[in-house]
């Protein structure tokens, strides 16, 4: 398993298991809701997150399948327990403890974003062979999801490059802060889905980073102006060249 994952597991081992204490801590889980002040992050306790897991299972929601598979991939749940929602919910305390160690170390991802990264990292380390097997092992289609999250620093570089190309200037500090948040939020929703059967593997890619960048810049007030200005300039240059060609041809 990746050294980063092992480091978090080591940090987890150093944290005493205290379920009651964990339940009193509000955990940023990534979803949002509207208030008079705008969109703010939603926080949940461990017990609230566990209730969500049980609710997903009760309603046969696809969120439970994704969650259980991530738990298995991350090593927090035996594959044999994937169809045991109570066990899956109880074991949620372990990734929460690792997540708290990550946040204590200065990490800025919310739980959902971090858990996607953590489970996909562990999965990649094991290779494409997956987990489980043996007689009676499940051989039907498996669906796994993954996301690729750009660091705030790298997102700023990408946004500045896109801005210079599409609006003709660099972004201000205020714009960088706004667009970085929007860019990383859209990245988290750009989920790639891989469905594996005994005979094939099909991957549906999420929205590309280039598409996200273009969408953000096209909503900037300076986008239309710059496109019009550069369009007229191109026409002006072309007309000058054509005129010069006519003059040269008449000499």
Protein backbone atom coordinates (compact mmCIF):
# COMPACT_ATOMS: atom_id res chain seq x y z
CA UNK A 1 0.00 0.00 0.00
CA UNK A 2 1.17 3.57 -0.75
CA UNK A 3 3.44 5.19 1.84
CA UNK A 4 0.93 8.02 2.24
CA UNK A 5 -1.79 5.54 3.12
CA UNK A 6 0.51 3.68 5.50
CA UNK A 7 1.42 6.93 7.21
CA UNK A 8 -2.25 7.70 7.83
CA UNK A 9 -2.86 4.19 9.10
CA UNK A 10 0.07 4.62 11.52
CA UNK A 11 -1.43 7.89 12.67
CA UNK A 12 -4.77 6.14 13.14
CA UNK A 13 -3.17 3.47 15.30
CA UNK A 14 -1.89 6.17 17.61
CA UNK A 15 -5.40 7.54 18.19
CA UNK A 16 -7.34 5.82 21.00
CA UNK A 17 -10.70 4.44 19.89
CA UNK A 18 -13.40 6.44 21.62
CA UNK A 19 -16.67 6.27 19.74
CA UNK A 20 -18.46 8.72 22.00
CA UNK A 21 -15.73 11.29 21.56
CA UNK A 22 -15.81 10.82 17.80
CA UNK A 23 -19.55 11.39 17.71
CA UNK A 24 -19.13 14.79 19.34
CA UNK A 25 -16.85 16.00 16.54
CA UNK A 26 -18.42 17.62 13.49
CA UNK A 27 -16.83 16.34 10.29
CA UNK A 28 -16.89 18.32 7.01
CA UNK A 29 -18.52 15.90 4.58
CA UNK A 30 -18.56 17.94 1.38
CA UNK A 31 -22.23 18.56 0.68
CA UNK A 32 -23.56 22.11 0.94
CA UNK A 33 -26.74 23.93 1.81
CA UNK A 34 -28.06 27.47 1.38
CA UNK A 35 -28.31 30.07 4.13
CA UNK A 36 -28.81 33.81 4.11
CA UNK A 37 -25.03 34.12 3.99
CA UNK A 38 -24.74 31.91 0.91
CA UNK A 39 -23.47 28.37 0.44
CA UNK A 40 -21.70 26.93 3.47
CA UNK A 41 -20.23 23.45 4.09
CA UNK A 42 -22.37 20.90 5.88
CA UNK A 43 -20.83 19.16 8.86
CA UNK A 44 -21.95 15.84 10.30
CA UNK A 45 -21.06 13.75 13.31
CA UNK A 46 -19.93 10.14 13.02
CA UNK A 47 -23.33 8.90 14.18
CA UNK A 48 -25.10 11.01 11.52
CA UNK A 49 -22.82 9.60 8.84
CA UNK A 50 -23.54 6.06 10.04
CA UNK A 51 -27.29 6.73 9.87
CA UNK A 52 -26.83 7.86 6.26
CA UNK A 53 -25.11 4.57 5.43
CA UNK A 54 -27.97 2.55 6.94
CA UNK A 55 -30.50 4.72 5.11
CA UNK A 56 -28.72 4.15 1.78
CA UNK A 57 -28.77 0.40 2.36
CA UNK A 58 -32.44 0.42 3.40
CA UNK A 59 -33.43 2.36 0.26
CA UNK A 60 -31.17 0.25 -1.98
CA UNK A 61 -29.44 3.45 -3.03
CA UNK A 62 -26.35 3.24 -5.30
CA UNK A 63 -24.55 5.42 -2.75
CA UNK A 64 -24.36 2.42 -0.44
CA UNK A 65 -22.69 0.24 -3.08
CA UNK A 66 -20.12 2.94 -3.79
CA UNK A 67 -19.48 3.48 -0.08
CA UNK A 68 -19.13 -0.22 0.71
CA UNK A 69 -16.78 -0.78 -2.23
CA UNK A 70 -14.62 2.16 -1.11
CA UNK A 71 -14.53 0.72 2.40
CA UNK A 72 -13.29 -2.59 0.99
CA UNK A 73 -10.77 -0.93 -1.32
CA UNK A 74 -9.40 1.17 1.53
CA UNK A 75 -9.02 -1.89 3.77
CA UNK A 76 -11.62 -0.82 6.35
CA UNK A 77 -14.14 -3.58 5.56
CA UNK A 78 -13.79 -7.25 4.52
CA UNK A 79 -15.31 -7.93 1.11
CA UNK A 80 -17.47 -10.60 2.72
CA UNK A 81 -19.16 -7.84 4.75
CA UNK A 82 -20.11 -5.61 1.82
CA UNK A 83 -23.73 -6.75 2.11
CA UNK A 84 -23.81 -6.19 5.88
CA UNK A 85 -24.82 -2.52 6.29
CA UNK A 86 -24.58 -2.57 10.08
CA UNK A 87 -21.00 -3.79 9.94
CA UNK A 88 -20.15 -1.25 7.23
CA UNK A 89 -21.66 1.58 9.28
CA UNK A 90 -19.86 0.54 12.46
CA UNK A 91 -16.53 0.32 10.65
CA UNK A 92 -16.95 3.88 9.45
CA UNK A 93 -15.30 5.04 12.67
CA UNK A 94 -11.92 3.84 11.37
CA UNK A 95 -11.72 6.00 8.22
CA UNK A 96 -13.05 8.91 10.28
CA UNK A 97 -10.12 8.50 12.66
CA UNK A 98 -7.64 8.40 9.77
CA UNK A 99 -9.35 11.46 8.26
CA UNK A 100 -8.96 13.35 11.53
CA UNK A 101 -5.24 12.58 11.49
CA UNK A 102 -5.11 13.91 7.92
CA UNK A 103 -6.89 17.14 8.91
CA UNK A 104 -4.68 17.53 11.99
CA UNK A 105 -1.69 17.37 9.65
CA UNK A 106 -2.97 20.36 7.67
CA UNK A 107 -5.06 18.60 4.99
CA UNK A 108 -7.83 20.71 3.45
CA UNK A 109 -10.03 18.10 1.73
CA UNK A 110 -13.48 17.34 3.14
CA UNK A 111 -14.27 13.76 4.13
CA UNK A 112 -15.96 12.71 0.87
CA UNK A 113 -13.14 14.07 -1.28
CA UNK A 114 -10.46 12.57 0.97
CA UNK A 115 -12.17 9.16 1.17
CA UNK A 116 -12.41 8.92 -2.63
CA UNK A 117 -8.71 9.71 -2.87
CA UNK A 118 -7.73 7.34 -0.04
CA UNK A 119 -9.66 4.35 -1.36
CA UNK A 120 -8.55 4.88 -4.98
CA UNK A 121 -4.91 5.13 -3.83
CA UNK A 122 -5.17 1.87 -1.90
CA UNK A 123 -6.94 0.22 -4.85
CA UNK A 124 -4.24 1.33 -7.29
CA UNK A 125 -1.52 -0.12 -5.05
CA UNK A 126 -3.14 -3.53 -5.20
CA UNK A 127 -3.28 -3.43 -8.98
CA UNK A 128 -6.08 -4.49 -11.26
CA UNK A 129 -6.46 -7.94 -9.69
CA UNK A 130 -8.84 -6.52 -7.08
CA UNK A 131 -9.73 -8.15 -3.76
CA UNK A 132 -11.48 -11.33 -2.75
CA UNK A 133 -11.64 -14.43 -4.91
CA UNK A 134 -11.76 -18.14 -4.23
CA UNK A 135 -14.69 -20.48 -4.66
CA UNK A 136 -18.04 -18.79 -4.61
CA UNK A 137 -16.51 -15.33 -5.14
CA UNK A 138 -18.71 -12.74 -6.82
CA UNK A 139 -17.98 -12.66 -10.57
CA UNK A 140 -20.65 -10.26 -11.79
CA UNK A 141 -20.11 -6.65 -12.88
CA UNK A 142 -18.26 -4.39 -10.46
CA UNK A 143 -18.62 -0.63 -10.64
CA UNK A 144 -15.98 1.60 -9.14
CA UNK A 145 -15.72 5.36 -9.14
CA UNK A 146 -12.73 7.66 -8.91
CA UNK A 147 -11.99 11.37 -8.98
CA UNK A 148 -8.84 13.32 -9.73
CA UNK A 149 -8.45 16.39 -7.52
CA UNK A 150 -5.97 19.16 -8.38
CA UNK A 151 -4.16 20.88 -5.53
CA UNK A 152 -5.06 24.56 -4.94
CA UNK A 153 -1.58 25.59 -6.12
CA UNK A 154 -1.79 23.63 -9.37
CA UNK A 155 -5.39 24.78 -9.93
CA UNK A 156 -4.20 28.39 -9.73
CA UNK A 157 -1.59 27.76 -12.44
CA UNK A 158 -4.18 26.14 -14.72
CA UNK A 159 -6.68 28.94 -14.13
CA UNK A 160 -4.14 31.68 -14.85
CA UNK A 161 -3.09 29.99 -18.10
CA UNK A 162 -6.73 29.62 -19.17
CA UNK A 163 -7.47 33.25 -18.26
CA UNK A 164 -4.59 34.63 -20.31
CA UNK A 165 -5.71 32.55 -23.30
CA UNK A 166 -9.44 33.21 -23.03
CA UNK A 167 -9.94 36.65 -21.42
CA UNK A 168 -6.59 38.23 -22.30
CA UNK A 169 -5.37 38.93 -18.78
CA UNK A 170 -4.34 37.36 -15.49
CA UNK A 171 -6.90 36.79 -12.76
CA UNK A 172 -7.00 38.98 -9.67
CA UNK A 173 -6.45 37.54 -6.19
CA UNK A 174 -10.20 37.68 -5.56
CA UNK A 175 -10.95 35.90 -8.84
CA UNK A 176 -8.34 33.22 -8.13
CA UNK A 177 -9.93 32.49 -4.77
CA UNK A 178 -13.41 32.27 -6.31
CA UNK A 179 -12.44 30.24 -9.37
CA UNK A 180 -10.21 27.83 -7.45
CA UNK A 181 -13.12 26.90 -5.19
CA UNK A 182 -15.45 26.50 -8.17
CA UNK A 183 -12.89 24.50 -10.16
CA UNK A 184 -12.17 22.01 -7.35
CA UNK A 185 -15.89 21.69 -6.56
CA UNK A 186 -16.61 20.74 -10.18
CA UNK A 187 -13.65 18.36 -10.18
CA UNK A 188 -15.17 16.47 -7.25
CA UNK A 189 -18.31 15.93 -9.34
CA UNK A 190 -16.33 14.81 -12.40
CA UNK A 191 -16.47 11.17 -11.39
CA UNK A 192 -15.00 8.50 -13.66
CA UNK A 193 -16.86 5.18 -13.54
CA UNK A 194 -15.20 1.84 -14.32
CA UNK A 195 -17.39 -1.24 -14.80
CA UNK A 196 -15.56 -4.57 -14.81
CA UNK A 197 -16.95 -7.94 -15.90
CA UNK A 198 -15.12 -11.23 -16.36
CA UNK A 199 -14.65 -10.36 -20.05
CA UNK A 200 -14.31 -6.59 -20.25
CA UNK A 201 -13.53 -3.33 -18.49
CA UNK A 202 -15.33 -0.16 -19.56
CA UNK A 203 -14.42 3.27 -18.19
CA UNK A 204 -16.63 6.34 -18.57
CA UNK A 205 -14.52 9.44 -18.00
CA UNK A 206 -15.89 12.35 -16.02
CA UNK A 207 -15.82 15.95 -17.23
CA UNK A 208 -12.29 16.85 -18.35
CA UNK A 209 -10.25 19.55 -16.63
CA UNK A 210 -10.10 21.47 -19.92
CA UNK A 211 -13.90 21.54 -20.14
CA UNK A 212 -14.18 22.82 -16.57
CA UNK A 213 -11.62 25.56 -17.18
CA UNK A 214 -13.34 26.68 -20.40
CA UNK A 215 -16.74 26.76 -18.71
CA UNK A 216 -15.41 28.94 -15.89
CA UNK A 217 -13.67 31.40 -18.21
CA UNK A 218 -16.67 31.66 -20.54
CA UNK A 219 -18.69 32.98 -17.59
CA UNK A 220 -16.16 35.75 -16.93
CA UNK A 221 -17.48 39.20 -17.98
CA UNK A 222 -14.29 39.85 -19.97
CA UNK A 223 -14.59 36.71 -22.09
CA UNK A 224 -16.97 38.09 -24.73
CA UNK A 225 -15.11 41.41 -24.96
CA UNK A 226 -11.76 39.71 -25.47
CA UNK A 227 -13.11 37.29 -28.05
CA UNK A 228 -14.72 40.14 -30.00
CA UNK A 229 -11.59 42.31 -29.78
CA UNK A 230 -9.27 39.55 -30.93
CA UNK A 231 -11.71 38.54 -33.62
CA UNK A 232 -11.83 42.07 -35.06
CA UNK A 233 -8.06 42.32 -34.77
CA UNK A 234 -7.63 39.11 -36.76
CA UNK A 235 -9.95 40.45 -39.46
CA UNK A 236 -8.08 43.77 -39.51
CA UNK A 237 -4.72 42.06 -39.90
CA UNK A 238 -6.11 39.81 -42.65
CA UNK A 239 -7.50 42.79 -44.56
CA UNK A 240 -4.15 44.62 -44.37
CA UNK A 241 -2.35 41.57 -45.67
CA UNK A 242 -4.83 41.17 -48.52
CA UNK A 243 -4.49 44.84 -49.44
CA UNK A 244 -0.72 44.64 -49.39
CA UNK A 245 -0.86 41.57 -51.64
CA UNK A 246 -2.98 43.48 -54.17
CA UNK A 247 -0.53 46.40 -54.11
CA UNK A 248 2.44 44.13 -54.55
CA UNK A 249 0.74 42.30 -57.42
CA UNK A 250 0.17 45.61 -59.28
CA UNK A 251 3.81 46.64 -59.20
